[in-house]
Amino acid sequence: MTRIAVFGATGRMGQTLIRLIADDAALELAGAATEPGHDAVGHDAGSEAGRQPLGVTITDDPVAAVSGADVVIDFTLPEALRGNVATCVEQGVPLVIGTTGLSADDEAVLDGAAGSIALLHGRNMSVGVNVLTELARQASRALGADFDVEINEAHHRHKVDAPSGTALQLGESVAEGRGVALDSVAVYDRHGVGESRAPGSIGFSSQRAGSIVGDHAILFAADEEIIELRHRALDRAVFARGALRAAVWIAERQAGRYSMNDVLGL
């Protein structure tokens, strides 16, 4: 039995995680935290997520939420990251983070925390996306710079960061396959009349519309052939399932910074 605490328990991902934990006999909800002042504070986490009461009260105290937990899953906002990480370090609890839009300073905080606890951050927790990332790296290495690369992504109208963290993850993988840094070849915006496509560049395009959960495609195009790799998320439960798989895995690990590749053996 793995006892899991959820940060961001009242958000869409948090609610999905709680439902999946409630439905899995091998998992137990150990705690649930949300932001101070939220209307759900003091309510049963299971009831709030549309399940039977679980006997776990939603709190705005992260320390109380992690008490007795084997591992924590955090799907909140970048602004909450440092406090949540500090709580897990202080309490000695492994942490899985699915929050996107992190800065270089945030990444440095994670690196520092990994000296004390087992920590995993994934821009996309979907098992399928992480397999796609590895396929993109291998395809890029094999095809070489003669193939133009375009990465297209689409998400729901409420997503605020663009390109998505997943698109950047895919771009980094393609660049790594070519032995270059993404920052040196990435093109994030095209409009008007300008120069033609630079050889070796990796282009990005983003769409925000409706309730699209997540759609990512990588196009490798040469003069005589085109290869496309694509992943489409049909339900956000796919991200929660990946996070739970990572949580069970990392709960048994020593301090260090891990990735979904470690979880999947890639």
C-alpha atoms as a PDB file:
ATOM      1  CA  MET A   1       0.000   0.000   0.000  1.00  0.00           C
ATOM      2  CA  THR A   2       1.429   3.358  -1.059  1.00  0.00           C
ATOM      3  CA  ARG A   3       0.175   6.346   0.919  1.00  0.00           C
ATOM      4  CA  ILE A   4      -0.005   9.424  -1.300  1.00  0.00           C
ATOM      5  CA  ALA A   5      -0.570  13.084  -0.430  1.00  0.00           C
ATOM      6  CA  VAL A   6      -1.858  15.439  -3.122  1.00  0.00           C
ATOM      7  CA  PHE A   7      -0.924  19.126  -3.399  1.00  0.00           C
ATOM      8  CA  GLY A   8      -3.446  20.988  -5.528  1.00  0.00           C
ATOM      9  CA  ALA A   9      -6.237  18.706  -4.355  1.00  0.00           C
ATOM     10  CA  THR A  10      -9.041  20.980  -5.570  1.00  0.00           C
ATOM     11  CA  GLY A  11      -7.685  21.492  -9.086  1.00  0.00           C
ATOM     12  CA  ARG A  12      -8.615  19.427 -12.129  1.00  0.00           C
ATOM     13  CA  MET A  13      -5.557  17.206 -11.866  1.00  0.00           C
ATOM     14  CA  GLY A  14      -5.806  16.950  -8.097  1.00  0.00           C
ATOM     15  CA  GLN A  15      -9.419  15.826  -8.287  1.00  0.00           C
ATOM     16  CA  THR A  16      -8.531  13.258 -10.954  1.00  0.00           C
ATOM     17  CA  LEU A  17      -5.690  11.921  -8.804  1.00  0.00           C
ATOM     18  CA  ILE A  18      -7.956  11.549  -5.784  1.00  0.00           C
ATOM     19  CA  ARG A  19     -10.552   9.630  -7.804  1.00  0.00           C
ATOM     20  CA  LEU A  20      -7.925   7.251  -9.178  1.00  0.00           C
ATOM     21  CA  ILE A  21      -6.402   6.722  -5.734  1.00  0.00           C
ATOM     22  CA  ALA A  22      -9.848   5.991  -4.288  1.00  0.00           C
ATOM     23  CA  ASP A  23     -10.469   3.406  -7.010  1.00  0.00           C
ATOM     24  CA  ASP A  24      -7.141   1.579  -6.551  1.00  0.00           C
ATOM     25  CA  ALA A  25      -6.840  -0.923  -3.702  1.00  0.00           C
ATOM     26  CA  ALA A  26      -3.034  -0.635  -3.779  1.00  0.00           C
ATOM     27  CA  LEU A  27      -3.122   3.115  -3.075  1.00  0.00           C
ATOM     28  CA  GLU A  28      -4.310   5.222  -0.155  1.00  0.00           C
ATOM     29  CA  LEU A  29      -4.888   8.959   0.065  1.00  0.00           C
ATOM     30  CA  ALA A  30      -2.795  10.177   2.994  1.00  0.00           C
ATOM     31  CA  GLY A  31      -3.448  13.912   2.700  1.00  0.00           C
ATOM     32  CA  ALA A  32      -4.878  16.627   0.479  1.00  0.00           C
ATOM     33  CA  ALA A  33      -3.804  20.273   0.400  1.00  0.00           C
ATOM     34  CA  THR A  34      -5.130  23.338  -1.408  1.00  0.00           C
ATOM     35  CA  GLU A  35      -4.504  27.082  -1.296  1.00  0.00           C
ATOM     36  CA  PRO A  36      -5.466  29.084   1.821  1.00  0.00           C
ATOM     37  CA  GLY A  37      -9.029  30.352   1.812  1.00  0.00           C
ATOM     38  CA  HIS A  38     -10.403  27.795  -0.649  1.00  0.00           C
ATOM     39  CA  ASP A  39     -14.040  26.872  -0.006  1.00  0.00           C
ATOM     40  CA  ALA A  40     -13.150  23.152   0.146  1.00  0.00           C
ATOM     41  CA  VAL A  41     -10.869  23.503   3.186  1.00  0.00           C
ATOM     42  CA  GLY A  42     -12.312  21.316   5.953  1.00  0.00           C
ATOM     43  CA  HIS A  43     -14.282  19.116   3.521  1.00  0.00           C
ATOM     44  CA  ASP A  44     -13.669  15.442   2.873  1.00  0.00           C
ATOM     45  CA  ALA A  45     -11.337  14.988  -0.115  1.00  0.00           C
ATOM     46  CA  GLY A  46     -13.215  11.965  -1.432  1.00  0.00           C
ATOM     47  CA  SER A  47     -16.571  13.714  -1.364  1.00  0.00           C
ATOM     48  CA  GLU A  48     -15.129  16.782  -3.103  1.00  0.00           C
ATOM     49  CA  ALA A  49     -13.784  14.548  -5.877  1.00  0.00           C
ATOM     50  CA  GLY A  50     -17.107  12.765  -6.403  1.00  0.00           C
ATOM     51  CA  ARG A  51     -16.271   9.586  -4.487  1.00  0.00           C
ATOM     52  CA  GLN A  52     -17.309   8.143  -1.144  1.00  0.00           C
ATOM     53  CA  PRO A  53     -15.826   9.932   1.885  1.00  0.00           C
ATOM     54  CA  LEU A  54     -12.207   8.874   2.405  1.00  0.00           C
ATOM     55  CA  GLY A  55     -11.718  10.240   5.902  1.00  0.00           C
ATOM     56  CA  VAL A  56      -9.119  12.723   4.643  1.00  0.00           C
ATOM     57  CA  THR A  57      -9.875  16.400   5.211  1.00  0.00           C
ATOM     58  CA  ILE A  58      -8.687  18.971   2.688  1.00  0.00           C
ATOM     59  CA  THR A  59      -6.313  21.373   4.415  1.00  0.00           C
ATOM     60  CA  ASP A  60      -4.418  24.545   3.565  1.00  0.00           C
ATOM     61  CA  ASP A  61      -1.486  23.352   5.710  1.00  0.00           C
ATOM     62  CA  PRO A  62       0.970  21.394   3.522  1.00  0.00           C
ATOM     63  CA  VAL A  63       2.809  20.018   6.562  1.00  0.00           C
ATOM     64  CA  ALA A  64      -0.405  18.451   7.851  1.00  0.00           C
ATOM     65  CA  ALA A  65      -1.142  17.039   4.401  1.00  0.00           C
ATOM     66  CA  VAL A  66       2.170  15.175   4.104  1.00  0.00           C
ATOM     67  CA  SER A  67       2.101  13.744   7.632  1.00  0.00           C
ATOM     68  CA  GLY A  68       2.127   9.969   7.268  1.00  0.00           C
ATOM     69  CA  ALA A  69       2.543  10.055   3.460  1.00  0.00           C
ATOM     70  CA  ASP A  70       5.008   7.841   1.622  1.00  0.00           C
ATOM     71  CA  VAL A  71       5.139  10.261  -1.320  1.00  0.00           C
ATOM     72  CA  VAL A  72       3.611  13.556  -2.476  1.00  0.00           C
ATOM     73  CA  ILE A  73       2.251  14.487  -5.906  1.00  0.00           C
ATOM     74  CA  ASP A  74       2.176  18.201  -6.735  1.00  0.00           C
ATOM     75  CA  PHE A  75       0.044  19.589  -9.568  1.00  0.00           C
ATOM     76  CA  THR A  76      -0.224  23.235  -8.550  1.00  0.00           C
ATOM     77  CA  LEU A  77       1.281  26.463  -9.941  1.00  0.00           C
ATOM     78  CA  PRO A  78       4.883  27.670 -10.197  1.00  0.00           C
ATOM     79  CA  GLU A  79       4.196  30.244  -7.473  1.00  0.00           C
ATOM     80  CA  ALA A  80       3.531  27.427  -5.000  1.00  0.00           C
ATOM     81  CA  LEU A  81       6.530  25.333  -5.987  1.00  0.00           C
ATOM     82  CA  ARG A  82       9.143  26.570  -3.540  1.00  0.00           C
ATOM     83  CA  GLY A  83       6.934  26.272  -0.487  1.00  0.00           C
ATOM     84  CA  ASN A  84       5.764  22.810  -1.475  1.00  0.00           C
ATOM     85  CA  VAL A  85       9.299  21.609  -2.150  1.00  0.00           C
ATOM     86  CA  ALA A  86      10.517  23.048   1.158  1.00  0.00           C
ATOM     87  CA  THR A  87       7.754  21.201   3.016  1.00  0.00           C
ATOM     88  CA  CYS A  88       8.744  17.870   1.465  1.00  0.00           C
ATOM     89  CA  VAL A  89      12.430  18.450   2.200  1.00  0.00           C
ATOM     90  CA  GLU A  90      11.662  19.350   5.819  1.00  0.00           C
ATOM     91  CA  GLN A  91       9.461  16.280   6.237  1.00  0.00           C
ATOM     92  CA  GLY A  92      11.754  13.967   4.257  1.00  0.00           C
ATOM     93  CA  VAL A  93       9.011  12.875   1.835  1.00  0.00           C
ATOM     94  CA  PRO A  94       9.661  11.986  -1.843  1.00  0.00           C
ATOM     95  CA  LEU A  95       7.980  14.311  -4.338  1.00  0.00           C
ATOM     96  CA  VAL A  96       6.550  13.987  -7.849  1.00  0.00           C
ATOM     97  CA  ILE A  97       5.909  17.333  -9.584  1.00  0.00           C
ATOM     98  CA  GLY A  98       3.693  17.737 -12.643  1.00  0.00           C
ATOM     99  CA  THR A  99       3.583  21.550 -12.570  1.00  0.00           C
ATOM    100  CA  THR A 100       4.575  23.185 -15.863  1.00  0.00           C
ATOM    101  CA  GLY A 101       5.931  26.622 -16.745  1.00  0.00           C
ATOM    102  CA  LEU A 102       8.887  26.452 -14.341  1.00  0.00           C
ATOM    103  CA  SER A 103      11.734  28.959 -14.608  1.00  0.00           C
ATOM    104  CA  ALA A 104      15.471  28.313 -14.532  1.00  0.00           C
ATOM    105  CA  ASP A 105      15.443  29.447 -10.890  1.00  0.00           C
ATOM    106  CA  ASP A 106      12.703  26.927 -10.130  1.00  0.00           C
ATOM    107  CA  GLU A 107      14.782  24.181 -11.741  1.00  0.00           C
ATOM    108  CA  ALA A 108      17.695  25.163  -9.515  1.00  0.00           C
ATOM    109  CA  VAL A 109      15.434  24.777  -6.474  1.00  0.00           C
ATOM    110  CA  LEU A 110      14.557  21.255  -7.606  1.00  0.00           C
ATOM    111  CA  ASP A 111      18.223  20.388  -8.115  1.00  0.00           C
ATOM    112  CA  GLY A 112      18.981  21.556  -4.589  1.00  0.00           C
ATOM    113  CA  ALA A 113      16.085  19.630  -3.057  1.00  0.00           C
ATOM    114  CA  ALA A 114      17.179  16.436  -4.822  1.00  0.00           C
ATOM    115  CA  GLY A 115      20.190  16.366  -2.522  1.00  0.00           C
ATOM    116  CA  SER A 116      17.811  15.618   0.357  1.00  0.00           C
ATOM    117  CA  ILE A 117      14.823  13.741  -1.092  1.00  0.00           C
ATOM    118  CA  ALA A 118      13.891  11.636  -4.098  1.00  0.00           C
ATOM    119  CA  LEU A 119      12.330  14.075  -6.559  1.00  0.00           C
ATOM    120  CA  LEU A 120      10.854  13.724 -10.030  1.00  0.00           C
ATOM    121  CA  HIS A 121       9.616  16.550 -12.240  1.00  0.00           C
ATOM    122  CA  GLY A 122       7.859  15.832 -15.508  1.00  0.00           C
ATOM    123  CA  ARG A 123       6.544  18.430 -17.937  1.00  0.00           C
ATOM    124  CA  ASN A 124       4.162  15.737 -19.091  1.00  0.00           C
ATOM    125  CA  MET A 125       3.462  12.717 -16.917  1.00  0.00           C
ATOM    126  CA  SER A 126       1.825  10.664 -19.652  1.00  0.00           C
ATOM    127  CA  VAL A 127       3.602   7.365 -20.254  1.00  0.00           C
ATOM    128  CA  GLY A 128       2.841   7.675 -23.969  1.00  0.00           C
ATOM    129  CA  VAL A 129       4.342  11.165 -24.256  1.00  0.00           C
ATOM    130  CA  ASN A 130       7.541  10.045 -22.587  1.00  0.00           C
ATOM    131  CA  VAL A 131       7.816   7.118 -24.984  1.00  0.00           C
ATOM    132  CA  LEU A 132       7.195   9.607 -27.834  1.00  0.00           C
ATOM    133  CA  THR A 133      10.019  11.775 -26.500  1.00  0.00           C
ATOM    134  CA  GLU A 134      12.446   8.884 -26.732  1.00  0.00           C
ATOM    135  CA  LEU A 135      11.213   7.991 -30.219  1.00  0.00           C
ATOM    136  CA  ALA A 136      11.768  11.615 -31.290  1.00  0.00           C
ATOM    137  CA  ARG A 137      15.348  11.504 -30.041  1.00  0.00           C
ATOM    138  CA  GLN A 138      16.085   8.302 -31.929  1.00  0.00           C
ATOM    139  CA  ALA A 139      14.372   9.517 -35.107  1.00  0.00           C
ATOM    140  CA  SER A 140      16.269  12.805 -35.022  1.00  0.00           C
ATOM    141  CA  ARG A 141      19.601  11.052 -34.567  1.00  0.00           C
ATOM    142  CA  ALA A 142      18.923   8.646 -37.426  1.00  0.00           C
ATOM    143  CA  LEU A 143      17.428  11.137 -39.900  1.00  0.00           C
ATOM    144  CA  GLY A 144      19.934  13.927 -39.403  1.00  0.00           C
ATOM    145  CA  ALA A 145      19.731  17.637 -40.163  1.00  0.00           C
ATOM    146  CA  ASP A 146      18.590  17.131 -43.769  1.00  0.00           C
ATOM    147  CA  PHE A 147      15.035  16.749 -42.421  1.00  0.00           C
ATOM    148  CA  ASP A 148      13.154  19.894 -41.450  1.00  0.00           C
ATOM    149  CA  VAL A 149      11.438  19.582 -38.061  1.00  0.00           C
ATOM    150  CA  GLU A 150       8.204  21.239 -36.965  1.00  0.00           C
ATOM    151  CA  ILE A 151       6.557  20.634 -33.585  1.00  0.00           C
ATOM    152  CA  ASN A 152       2.849  21.429 -33.339  1.00  0.00           C
ATOM    153  CA  GLU A 153       0.848  21.457 -30.120  1.00  0.00           C
ATOM    154  CA  ALA A 154      -2.756  22.227 -29.171  1.00  0.00           C
ATOM    155  CA  HIS A 155      -4.356  22.669 -25.745  1.00  0.00           C
ATOM    156  CA  HIS A 156      -7.502  23.995 -24.097  1.00  0.00           C
ATOM    157  CA  ARG A 157      -8.296  27.706 -24.091  1.00  0.00           C
ATOM    158  CA  HIS A 158      -7.254  28.146 -20.441  1.00  0.00           C
ATOM    159  CA  LYS A 159      -3.620  27.072 -20.827  1.00  0.00           C
ATOM    160  CA  VAL A 160      -1.380  30.103 -20.337  1.00  0.00           C
ATOM    161  CA  ASP A 161       2.116  28.938 -21.348  1.00  0.00           C
ATOM    162  CA  ALA A 162       3.154  28.464 -24.967  1.00  0.00           C
ATOM    163  CA  PRO A 163       4.820  26.483 -26.356  1.00  0.00           C
ATOM    164  CA  SER A 164       3.711  23.832 -23.920  1.00  0.00           C
ATOM    165  CA  GLY A 165       6.246  22.229 -21.622  1.00  0.00           C
ATOM    166  CA  THR A 166       5.715  19.005 -23.529  1.00  0.00           C
ATOM    167  CA  ALA A 167       6.486  20.670 -26.860  1.00  0.00           C
ATOM    168  CA  LEU A 168       9.713  22.021 -25.387  1.00  0.00           C
ATOM    169  CA  GLN A 169      10.530  18.566 -24.038  1.00  0.00           C
ATOM    170  CA  LEU A 170      10.063  17.131 -27.521  1.00  0.00           C
ATOM    171  CA  GLY A 171      12.143  19.931 -29.041  1.00  0.00           C
ATOM    172  CA  GLU A 172      14.963  19.298 -26.596  1.00  0.00           C
ATOM    173  CA  SER A 173      14.864  15.620 -27.481  1.00  0.00           C
ATOM    174  CA  VAL A 174      15.077  16.355 -31.218  1.00  0.00           C
ATOM    175  CA  ALA A 175      17.933  18.801 -30.646  1.00  0.00           C
ATOM    176  CA  GLU A 176      19.757  16.310 -28.454  1.00  0.00           C
ATOM    177  CA  GLY A 177      19.469  13.710 -31.206  1.00  0.00           C
ATOM    178  CA  ARG A 178      21.260  16.177 -33.501  1.00  0.00           C
ATOM    179  CA  GLY A 179      23.863  17.123 -30.924  1.00  0.00           C
ATOM    180  CA  VAL A 180      22.803  20.767 -30.676  1.00  0.00           C
ATOM    181  CA  ALA A 181      21.203  22.993 -28.028  1.00  0.00           C
ATOM    182  CA  LEU A 182      17.525  23.757 -28.605  1.00  0.00           C
ATOM    183  CA  ASP A 183      17.998  27.461 -27.861  1.00  0.00           C
ATOM    184  CA  SER A 184      20.388  27.754 -30.798  1.00  0.00           C
ATOM    185  CA  VAL A 185      17.943  26.354 -33.397  1.00  0.00           C
ATOM    186  CA  ALA A 186      14.416  26.963 -32.076  1.00  0.00           C
ATOM    187  CA  VAL A 187      11.981  29.219 -33.980  1.00  0.00           C
ATOM    188  CA  TYR A 188       8.916  30.100 -31.909  1.00  0.00           C
ATOM    189  CA  ASP A 189       7.162  32.671 -34.052  1.00  0.00           C
ATOM    190  CA  ARG A 190       6.675  33.197 -37.775  1.00  0.00           C
ATOM    191  CA  HIS A 191       4.689  36.040 -39.277  1.00  0.00           C
ATOM    192  CA  GLY A 192       4.892  38.501 -42.116  1.00  0.00           C
ATOM    193  CA  VAL A 193       7.537  38.360 -44.811  1.00  0.00           C
ATOM    194  CA  GLY A 194      11.017  37.422 -43.717  1.00  0.00           C
ATOM    195  CA  GLU A 195      13.857  35.118 -44.493  1.00  0.00           C
ATOM    196  CA  SER A 196      13.275  31.560 -45.661  1.00  0.00           C
ATOM    197  CA  ARG A 197      13.537  28.672 -43.253  1.00  0.00           C
ATOM    198  CA  ALA A 198      17.007  28.399 -41.706  1.00  0.00           C
ATOM    199  CA  PRO A 199      18.661  25.002 -42.232  1.00  0.00           C
ATOM    200  CA  GLY A 200      18.590  22.891 -39.093  1.00  0.00           C
ATOM    201  CA  SER A 201      15.966  24.993 -37.328  1.00  0.00           C
ATOM    202  CA  ILE A 202      13.223  23.447 -35.190  1.00  0.00           C
ATOM    203  CA  GLY A 203       9.914  25.249 -35.538  1.00  0.00           C
ATOM    204  CA  PHE A 204       7.101  25.442 -32.993  1.00  0.00           C
ATOM    205  CA  SER A 205       3.430  26.316 -33.387  1.00  0.00           C
ATOM    206  CA  SER A 206       0.724  26.482 -30.722  1.00  0.00           C
ATOM    207  CA  GLN A 207      -3.066  26.426 -30.699  1.00  0.00           C
ATOM    208  CA  ARG A 208      -5.366  27.224 -27.783  1.00  0.00           C
ATOM    209  CA  ALA A 209      -9.004  26.286 -28.303  1.00  0.00           C
ATOM    210  CA  GLY A 210     -11.982  24.603 -26.702  1.00  0.00           C
ATOM    211  CA  SER A 211     -11.299  21.861 -24.202  1.00  0.00           C
ATOM    212  CA  ILE A 212      -8.426  20.100 -26.003  1.00  0.00           C
ATOM    213  CA  VAL A 213      -6.615  18.029 -23.383  1.00  0.00           C
ATOM    214  CA  GLY A 214      -3.307  17.868 -25.239  1.00  0.00           C
ATOM    215  CA  ASP A 215      -2.215  17.152 -28.817  1.00  0.00           C
ATOM    216  CA  HIS A 216       1.458  17.022 -29.863  1.00  0.00           C
ATOM    217  CA  ALA A 217       2.933  16.194 -33.260  1.00  0.00           C
ATOM    218  CA  ILE A 218       6.475  16.148 -34.619  1.00  0.00           C
ATOM    219  CA  LEU A 219       6.932  16.482 -38.364  1.00  0.00           C
ATOM    220  CA  PHE A 220      10.204  15.378 -40.002  1.00  0.00           C
ATOM    221  CA  ALA A 221      10.078  16.519 -43.638  1.00  0.00           C
ATOM    222  CA  ALA A 222      12.562  16.004 -46.458  1.00  0.00           C
ATOM    223  CA  ASP A 223      12.107  16.572 -50.180  1.00  0.00           C
ATOM    224  CA  GLU A 224      11.043  13.001 -50.869  1.00  0.00           C
ATOM    225  CA  GLU A 225       9.466  11.749 -47.628  1.00  0.00           C
ATOM    226  CA  ILE A 226       7.693  12.849 -44.481  1.00  0.00           C
ATOM    227  CA  ILE A 227       7.610  11.163 -41.082  1.00  0.00           C
ATOM    228  CA  GLU A 228       5.114  12.149 -38.386  1.00  0.00           C
ATOM    229  CA  LEU A 229       5.099  11.165 -34.713  1.00  0.00           C
ATOM    230  CA  ARG A 230       1.993  12.105 -32.739  1.00  0.00           C
ATOM    231  CA  HIS A 231       0.394  11.764 -29.333  1.00  0.00           C
ATOM    232  CA  ARG A 232      -3.165  12.766 -28.490  1.00  0.00           C
ATOM    233  CA  ALA A 233      -4.457  12.794 -24.923  1.00  0.00           C
ATOM    234  CA  LEU A 234      -8.157  11.981 -24.788  1.00  0.00           C
ATOM    235  CA  ASP A 235      -8.604  12.410 -21.036  1.00  0.00           C
ATOM    236  CA  ARG A 236      -6.477  14.172 -18.430  1.00  0.00           C
ATOM    237  CA  ALA A 237      -6.566  10.935 -16.429  1.00  0.00           C
ATOM    238  CA  VAL A 238      -3.627   9.835 -18.580  1.00  0.00           C
ATOM    239  CA  PHE A 239      -1.410  12.405 -16.815  1.00  0.00           C
ATOM    240  CA  ALA A 240      -2.678  11.367 -13.389  1.00  0.00           C
ATOM    241  CA  ARG A 241      -2.051   7.681 -14.103  1.00  0.00           C
ATOM    242  CA  GLY A 242       1.504   8.446 -15.135  1.00  0.00           C
ATOM    243  CA  ALA A 243       2.037  10.528 -11.987  1.00  0.00           C
ATOM    244  CA  LEU A 244       0.731   7.705  -9.815  1.00  0.00           C
ATOM    245  CA  ARG A 245       3.032   5.232 -11.544  1.00  0.00           C
ATOM    246  CA  ALA A 246       5.928   7.600 -10.877  1.00  0.00           C
ATOM    247  CA  ALA A 247       4.861   8.077  -7.241  1.00  0.00           C
ATOM    248  CA  VAL A 248       4.798   4.350  -6.483  1.00  0.00           C
ATOM    249  CA  TRP A 249       8.218   3.992  -8.139  1.00  0.00           C
ATOM    250  CA  ILE A 250       9.942   6.937  -6.451  1.00  0.00           C
ATOM    251  CA  ALA A 251       8.575   6.157  -2.983  1.00  0.00           C
ATOM    252  CA  GLU A 252      11.234   3.427  -2.752  1.00  0.00           C
ATOM    253  CA  ARG A 253      14.162   5.466  -4.103  1.00  0.00           C
ATOM    254  CA  GLN A 254      17.075   7.212  -2.434  1.00  0.00           C
ATOM    255  CA  ALA A 255      17.540  10.988  -2.636  1.00  0.00           C
ATOM    256  CA  GLY A 256      18.211  12.235  -6.151  1.00  0.00           C
ATOM    257  CA  ARG A 257      16.575  13.822  -9.154  1.00  0.00           C
ATOM    258  CA  TYR A 258      14.741  11.408 -11.406  1.00  0.00           C
ATOM    259  CA  SER A 259      12.708  11.539 -14.620  1.00  0.00           C
ATOM    260  CA  MET A 260       9.950   9.539 -16.254  1.00  0.00           C
ATOM    261  CA  ASN A 261      12.661   7.865 -18.320  1.00  0.00           C
ATOM    262  CA  ASP A 262      13.946   6.345 -15.082  1.00  0.00           C
ATOM    263  CA  VAL A 263      10.460   5.152 -14.174  1.00  0.00           C
ATOM    264  CA  LEU A 264       9.961   3.603 -17.620  1.00  0.00           C
ATOM    265  CA  GLY A 265      13.483   2.218 -17.977  1.00  0.00           C
ATOM    266  CA  LEU A 266      14.159   4.239 -21.153  1.00  0.00           C
END
